[in-house]
Amino acid sequence: MTATVVLIGAPGAGKTRTGKRVAKALGIPHIDTDKAFVETHGPIAEFFTTNGEAEFRRIERELVAAALLRDAVVSLGGGAVLDPDTQALLDGHVIVQLTSTPDAIRERIALEPGEAAKRPLLAGGGVEAWTALVEARRPIYDRLATVTIDTSHRTMESVAEEVVAWLRNR
């Protein structure tokens, strides 16, 4: 089994929550590139406003490159794959795409106050903005993915179990 497993997919699909569980099951660290960014540069939404998306993506690419050097489960921010240089970094790694339906995302945003505000590309647009964003990114996600797993209306525990089972059986 590959030592580095990368989780990609839409905002709110469960990459972080699933990644933590998969890493625990595999006995390796979990690295969330969005969390690493926030620890160093503060809230992503504020950074976007002050410094722009291009600068965010540049720093994000550096964080992804560093994370991929480790034996870990790496959860990428939903838009990390938009950068062609970040895409190139992913070559040769096992890439698990997590997907979700708009209805499931609507429920998740409703259940987690402040969730939409943490996601700068969704600000003010809700699930409709999410749907448009995901449809625009889908060809990239699909091209990069080694396997795709739907998280809609499922517990993250069951999603993580499916990811681990898939990894062990490949």
Protein backbone atom coordinates (compact mmCIF):
# COMPACT_ATOMS: atom_id res chain seq x y z
CA MET A 1 0.00 0.00 0.00
CA THR A 2 1.21 3.51 -0.82
CA ALA A 3 2.48 5.43 2.19
CA THR A 4 0.85 8.72 1.16
CA VAL A 5 -2.90 8.86 0.57
CA VAL A 6 -4.41 12.13 -0.67
CA LEU A 7 -8.05 13.12 -0.20
CA ILE A 8 -9.51 15.59 -2.70
CA GLY A 9 -13.00 16.79 -3.44
CA ALA A 10 -15.59 19.48 -2.97
CA PRO A 11 -15.76 21.74 0.06
CA GLY A 12 -17.81 20.01 2.74
CA ALA A 13 -17.42 16.50 1.29
CA GLY A 14 -15.72 15.30 4.48
CA LYS A 15 -12.04 15.27 3.54
CA THR A 16 -10.78 16.38 6.95
CA ARG A 17 -13.09 14.25 9.07
CA THR A 18 -12.53 11.20 6.89
CA GLY A 19 -8.80 11.83 6.67
CA LYS A 20 -8.40 11.84 10.45
CA ARG A 21 -10.20 8.52 10.72
CA VAL A 22 -8.30 6.89 7.85
CA ALA A 23 -4.97 8.04 9.27
CA LYS A 24 -5.83 6.63 12.69
CA ALA A 25 -6.84 3.29 11.17
CA LEU A 26 -3.61 3.14 9.15
CA GLY A 27 -1.42 4.31 12.03
CA ILE A 28 0.02 7.27 10.13
CA PRO A 29 -0.34 11.05 10.60
CA HIS A 30 -3.10 13.15 9.11
CA ILE A 31 -2.16 16.44 7.47
CA ASP A 32 -4.86 18.95 6.56
CA THR A 33 -3.36 21.58 4.26
CA ASP A 34 -6.09 24.11 5.07
CA LYS A 35 -5.39 23.70 8.80
CA ALA A 36 -1.65 24.07 8.17
CA PHE A 37 -2.35 27.28 6.25
CA VAL A 38 -4.53 28.72 9.02
CA GLU A 39 -1.92 27.91 11.66
CA THR A 40 0.66 29.99 9.81
CA HIS A 41 -1.34 32.66 7.95
CA GLY A 42 -4.65 33.00 9.80
CA PRO A 43 -8.19 32.48 8.48
CA ILE A 44 -8.34 31.62 4.79
CA ALA A 45 -11.28 33.92 4.08
CA GLU A 46 -9.39 36.90 5.51
CA PHE A 47 -6.23 35.97 3.60
CA PHE A 48 -8.23 35.74 0.36
CA THR A 49 -9.63 39.24 0.92
CA THR A 50 -6.29 40.79 1.78
CA ASN A 51 -3.88 38.91 -0.50
CA GLY A 52 -5.98 37.31 -3.24
CA GLU A 53 -6.49 33.79 -4.48
CA ALA A 54 -3.24 33.61 -6.48
CA GLU A 55 -1.10 34.18 -3.39
CA PHE A 56 -3.22 31.73 -1.41
CA ARG A 57 -2.73 29.05 -4.09
CA ARG A 58 1.05 29.66 -4.17
CA ILE A 59 1.36 29.09 -0.42
CA GLU A 60 -1.08 26.19 -0.57
CA ARG A 61 1.08 24.51 -3.24
CA GLU A 62 4.12 24.77 -0.94
CA LEU A 63 2.13 23.19 1.90
CA VAL A 64 0.95 20.35 -0.36
CA ALA A 65 4.51 19.69 -1.56
CA ALA A 66 5.77 19.47 2.03
CA ALA A 67 2.88 17.21 3.10
CA LEU A 68 3.47 14.80 0.21
CA LEU A 69 7.00 14.13 1.45
CA ARG A 70 5.59 12.39 4.52
CA ASP A 71 3.96 9.01 5.03
CA ALA A 72 0.53 10.42 5.83
CA VAL A 73 -3.08 10.87 4.88
CA VAL A 74 -3.21 14.33 3.32
CA SER A 75 -6.52 16.21 3.08
CA LEU A 76 -6.36 18.99 0.50
CA GLY A 77 -8.53 22.07 0.41
CA GLY A 78 -11.27 21.77 -2.19
CA GLY A 79 -9.58 24.15 -4.63
CA ALA A 80 -5.99 22.98 -4.24
CA VAL A 81 -6.26 20.95 -7.43
CA LEU A 82 -7.01 24.06 -9.48
CA ASP A 83 -3.30 24.87 -9.63
CA PRO A 84 -1.58 22.92 -12.44
CA ASP A 85 1.66 22.77 -10.46
CA THR A 86 -0.20 21.27 -7.48
CA GLN A 87 -1.79 18.75 -9.84
CA ALA A 88 1.68 17.75 -11.01
CA LEU A 89 2.78 17.19 -7.40
CA LEU A 90 -0.02 14.62 -7.00
CA ASP A 91 1.25 12.42 -9.83
CA GLY A 92 2.07 8.93 -8.56
CA HIS A 93 0.10 9.23 -5.31
CA VAL A 94 -3.10 7.42 -4.39
CA ILE A 95 -5.85 10.02 -4.76
CA VAL A 96 -9.21 9.40 -3.09
CA GLN A 97 -11.94 11.74 -4.30
CA LEU A 98 -14.81 12.32 -1.88
CA THR A 99 -18.06 13.51 -3.41
CA SER A 100 -21.36 14.65 -1.99
CA THR A 101 -24.74 15.73 -3.28
CA PRO A 102 -26.04 19.30 -2.96
CA ASP A 103 -28.76 18.06 -0.57
CA ALA A 104 -26.17 16.50 1.74
CA ILE A 105 -24.10 19.70 1.65
CA ARG A 106 -27.20 21.76 2.45
CA GLU A 107 -27.75 19.58 5.55
CA ARG A 108 -24.09 19.83 6.62
CA ILE A 109 -24.00 23.61 6.28
CA ALA A 110 -27.26 23.88 8.23
CA LEU A 111 -25.94 21.64 11.00
CA GLU A 112 -22.62 23.44 11.35
CA PRO A 113 -23.09 27.15 12.11
CA GLY A 114 -20.48 29.33 10.44
CA GLU A 115 -19.52 26.58 7.99
CA ALA A 116 -20.30 28.61 4.87
CA ALA A 117 -18.41 31.64 6.21
CA LYS A 118 -15.21 29.58 6.48
CA ARG A 119 -15.31 28.90 2.76
CA PRO A 120 -14.49 32.11 0.86
CA LEU A 121 -15.56 30.88 -2.56
CA LEU A 122 -19.02 30.02 -1.20
CA ALA A 123 -19.62 33.25 0.72
CA GLY A 124 -23.13 34.50 0.09
CA GLY A 125 -24.02 31.87 -2.48
CA GLY A 126 -24.92 28.85 -0.37
CA VAL A 127 -25.55 25.50 -1.99
CA GLU A 128 -26.15 27.03 -5.43
CA ALA A 129 -22.64 28.53 -5.36
CA TRP A 130 -21.30 25.19 -4.10
CA THR A 131 -22.97 23.32 -6.98
CA ALA A 132 -21.55 25.69 -9.60
CA LEU A 133 -18.10 25.48 -8.03
CA VAL A 134 -18.15 21.67 -7.92
CA GLU A 135 -19.37 21.34 -11.50
CA ALA A 136 -16.55 23.60 -12.69
CA ARG A 137 -13.97 21.53 -10.78
CA ARG A 138 -15.41 18.07 -11.46
CA PRO A 139 -13.30 17.32 -14.57
CA ILE A 140 -10.11 17.98 -12.59
CA TYR A 141 -11.26 15.93 -9.59
CA ASP A 142 -12.31 13.05 -11.84
CA ARG A 143 -9.06 13.09 -13.84
CA LEU A 144 -6.87 13.03 -10.72
CA ALA A 145 -8.85 10.47 -8.71
CA THR A 146 -7.64 6.91 -8.28
CA VAL A 147 -11.00 6.09 -6.67
CA THR A 148 -14.18 8.08 -5.96
CA ILE A 149 -16.33 7.58 -2.87
CA ASP A 150 -19.65 9.31 -2.22
CA THR A 151 -20.09 10.66 1.32
CA SER A 152 -23.69 11.81 0.96
CA HIS A 153 -25.95 10.92 3.90
CA ARG A 154 -23.29 8.67 5.44
CA THR A 155 -21.30 8.83 8.62
CA MET A 156 -17.66 9.74 8.20
CA GLU A 157 -16.86 6.53 10.09
CA SER A 158 -18.46 4.44 7.34
CA VAL A 159 -16.72 6.50 4.64
CA ALA A 160 -13.35 6.04 6.38
CA GLU A 161 -13.96 2.29 6.71
CA GLU A 162 -14.66 2.12 2.97
CA VAL A 163 -11.48 4.06 2.16
CA VAL A 164 -9.36 1.84 4.42
CA ALA A 165 -10.90 -1.33 2.98
CA TRP A 166 -10.26 -0.09 -0.56
CA LEU A 167 -6.64 0.78 0.28
CA ARG A 168 -6.00 -2.62 1.86
CA ASN A 169 -7.55 -4.50 -1.06
CA ARG A 170 -5.88 -2.65 -3.93
